[in-house]
């Protein structure tokens, strides 16, 4: 997370966790847009991993749905 830490002083009034989650959600949407009828199973794996990471971050910060 060194890149995020380096730029953190330039980011507005949101938490690091909010930024991480937003970036992961954007990546998920990008992966979904690239899914094809075949040979893109790796994208489903990447989506699932990103969703698990979002859940981890939300759990760590005590986010309630």
C-alpha atoms as a PDB file:
ATOM      1  CA  UNK A   1       0.000   0.000   0.000  1.00  0.00           C
ATOM      2  CA  UNK A   2       2.949   2.319  -0.408  1.00  0.00           C
ATOM      3  CA  UNK A   3       1.371   4.030  -3.414  1.00  0.00           C
ATOM      4  CA  UNK A   4      -1.778   4.865  -1.515  1.00  0.00           C
ATOM      5  CA  UNK A   5       0.234   6.064   1.474  1.00  0.00           C
ATOM      6  CA  UNK A   6       2.332   8.302  -0.783  1.00  0.00           C
ATOM      7  CA  UNK A   7      -0.690  10.011  -2.273  1.00  0.00           C
ATOM      8  CA  UNK A   8      -2.850  10.026   0.841  1.00  0.00           C
ATOM      9  CA  UNK A   9      -2.009  13.613   1.761  1.00  0.00           C
ATOM     10  CA  UNK A  10      -3.526  14.739  -1.534  1.00  0.00           C
ATOM     11  CA  UNK A  11      -6.831  12.880  -1.101  1.00  0.00           C
ATOM     12  CA  UNK A  12      -9.859  14.660   0.376  1.00  0.00           C
ATOM     13  CA  UNK A  13     -11.836  13.777   3.450  1.00  0.00           C
ATOM     14  CA  UNK A  14     -12.398  10.069   2.905  1.00  0.00           C
ATOM     15  CA  UNK A  15     -10.782   7.197   4.723  1.00  0.00           C
ATOM     16  CA  UNK A  16      -8.154   4.921   3.235  1.00  0.00           C
ATOM     17  CA  UNK A  17     -10.615   2.062   3.541  1.00  0.00           C
ATOM     18  CA  UNK A  18     -13.185   4.019   1.527  1.00  0.00           C
ATOM     19  CA  UNK A  19     -10.599   4.607  -1.197  1.00  0.00           C
ATOM     20  CA  UNK A  20      -9.505   0.971  -1.249  1.00  0.00           C
ATOM     21  CA  UNK A  21     -13.096  -0.224  -1.518  1.00  0.00           C
ATOM     22  CA  UNK A  22     -13.888   2.273  -4.277  1.00  0.00           C
ATOM     23  CA  UNK A  23     -10.847   1.188  -6.286  1.00  0.00           C
ATOM     24  CA  UNK A  24     -11.723  -2.485  -5.874  1.00  0.00           C
ATOM     25  CA  UNK A  25     -15.325  -1.850  -6.953  1.00  0.00           C
ATOM     26  CA  UNK A  26     -14.089   0.003 -10.044  1.00  0.00           C
ATOM     27  CA  UNK A  27     -11.806  -2.915 -10.862  1.00  0.00           C
ATOM     28  CA  UNK A  28     -14.698  -5.359 -10.464  1.00  0.00           C
ATOM     29  CA  UNK A  29     -16.774  -3.351 -12.938  1.00  0.00           C
ATOM     30  CA  UNK A  30     -13.867  -3.276 -15.381  1.00  0.00           C
ATOM     31  CA  UNK A  31     -13.399  -7.055 -15.094  1.00  0.00           C
ATOM     32  CA  UNK A  32     -17.123  -7.627 -15.624  1.00  0.00           C
ATOM     33  CA  UNK A  33     -17.033  -5.528 -18.792  1.00  0.00           C
ATOM     34  CA  UNK A  34     -14.277  -7.760 -20.197  1.00  0.00           C
ATOM     35  CA  UNK A  35     -16.039 -11.094 -19.675  1.00  0.00           C
ATOM     36  CA  UNK A  36     -16.492 -13.038 -22.900  1.00  0.00           C
ATOM     37  CA  UNK A  37     -18.452 -16.237 -23.626  1.00  0.00           C
ATOM     38  CA  UNK A  38     -15.251 -18.306 -23.288  1.00  0.00           C
ATOM     39  CA  UNK A  39     -11.641 -18.163 -22.074  1.00  0.00           C
ATOM     40  CA  UNK A  40     -12.224 -15.532 -19.401  1.00  0.00           C
ATOM     41  CA  UNK A  41     -12.686 -17.697 -16.326  1.00  0.00           C
ATOM     42  CA  UNK A  42      -9.723 -15.920 -14.754  1.00  0.00           C
ATOM     43  CA  UNK A  43     -11.865 -12.767 -14.645  1.00  0.00           C
ATOM     44  CA  UNK A  44     -14.457 -14.534 -12.501  1.00  0.00           C
ATOM     45  CA  UNK A  45     -11.651 -15.544 -10.139  1.00  0.00           C
ATOM     46  CA  UNK A  46     -10.356 -11.961 -10.004  1.00  0.00           C
ATOM     47  CA  UNK A  47     -13.863 -10.640  -9.317  1.00  0.00           C
ATOM     48  CA  UNK A  48     -14.392 -13.138  -6.509  1.00  0.00           C
ATOM     49  CA  UNK A  49     -11.041 -12.258  -4.945  1.00  0.00           C
ATOM     50  CA  UNK A  50     -11.740  -8.528  -5.116  1.00  0.00           C
ATOM     51  CA  UNK A  51     -15.162  -9.064  -3.536  1.00  0.00           C
ATOM     52  CA  UNK A  52     -13.569 -11.082  -0.721  1.00  0.00           C
ATOM     53  CA  UNK A  53     -11.042  -8.301  -0.180  1.00  0.00           C
ATOM     54  CA  UNK A  54     -13.858  -5.740   0.078  1.00  0.00           C
ATOM     55  CA  UNK A  55     -15.508  -7.929   2.709  1.00  0.00           C
ATOM     56  CA  UNK A  56     -12.218  -8.130   4.640  1.00  0.00           C
ATOM     57  CA  UNK A  57     -11.765  -4.363   4.606  1.00  0.00           C
ATOM     58  CA  UNK A  58     -15.358  -3.777   5.673  1.00  0.00           C
ATOM     59  CA  UNK A  59     -14.963  -6.262   8.503  1.00  0.00           C
ATOM     60  CA  UNK A  60     -11.697  -4.655   9.634  1.00  0.00           C
ATOM     61  CA  UNK A  61     -13.263  -1.198   9.873  1.00  0.00           C
ATOM     62  CA  UNK A  62     -16.536  -2.445  11.350  1.00  0.00           C
ATOM     63  CA  UNK A  63     -18.619  -1.501   8.335  1.00  0.00           C
ATOM     64  CA  UNK A  64     -22.270  -2.435   8.731  1.00  0.00           C
ATOM     65  CA  UNK A  65     -24.487  -3.038   5.721  1.00  0.00           C
END
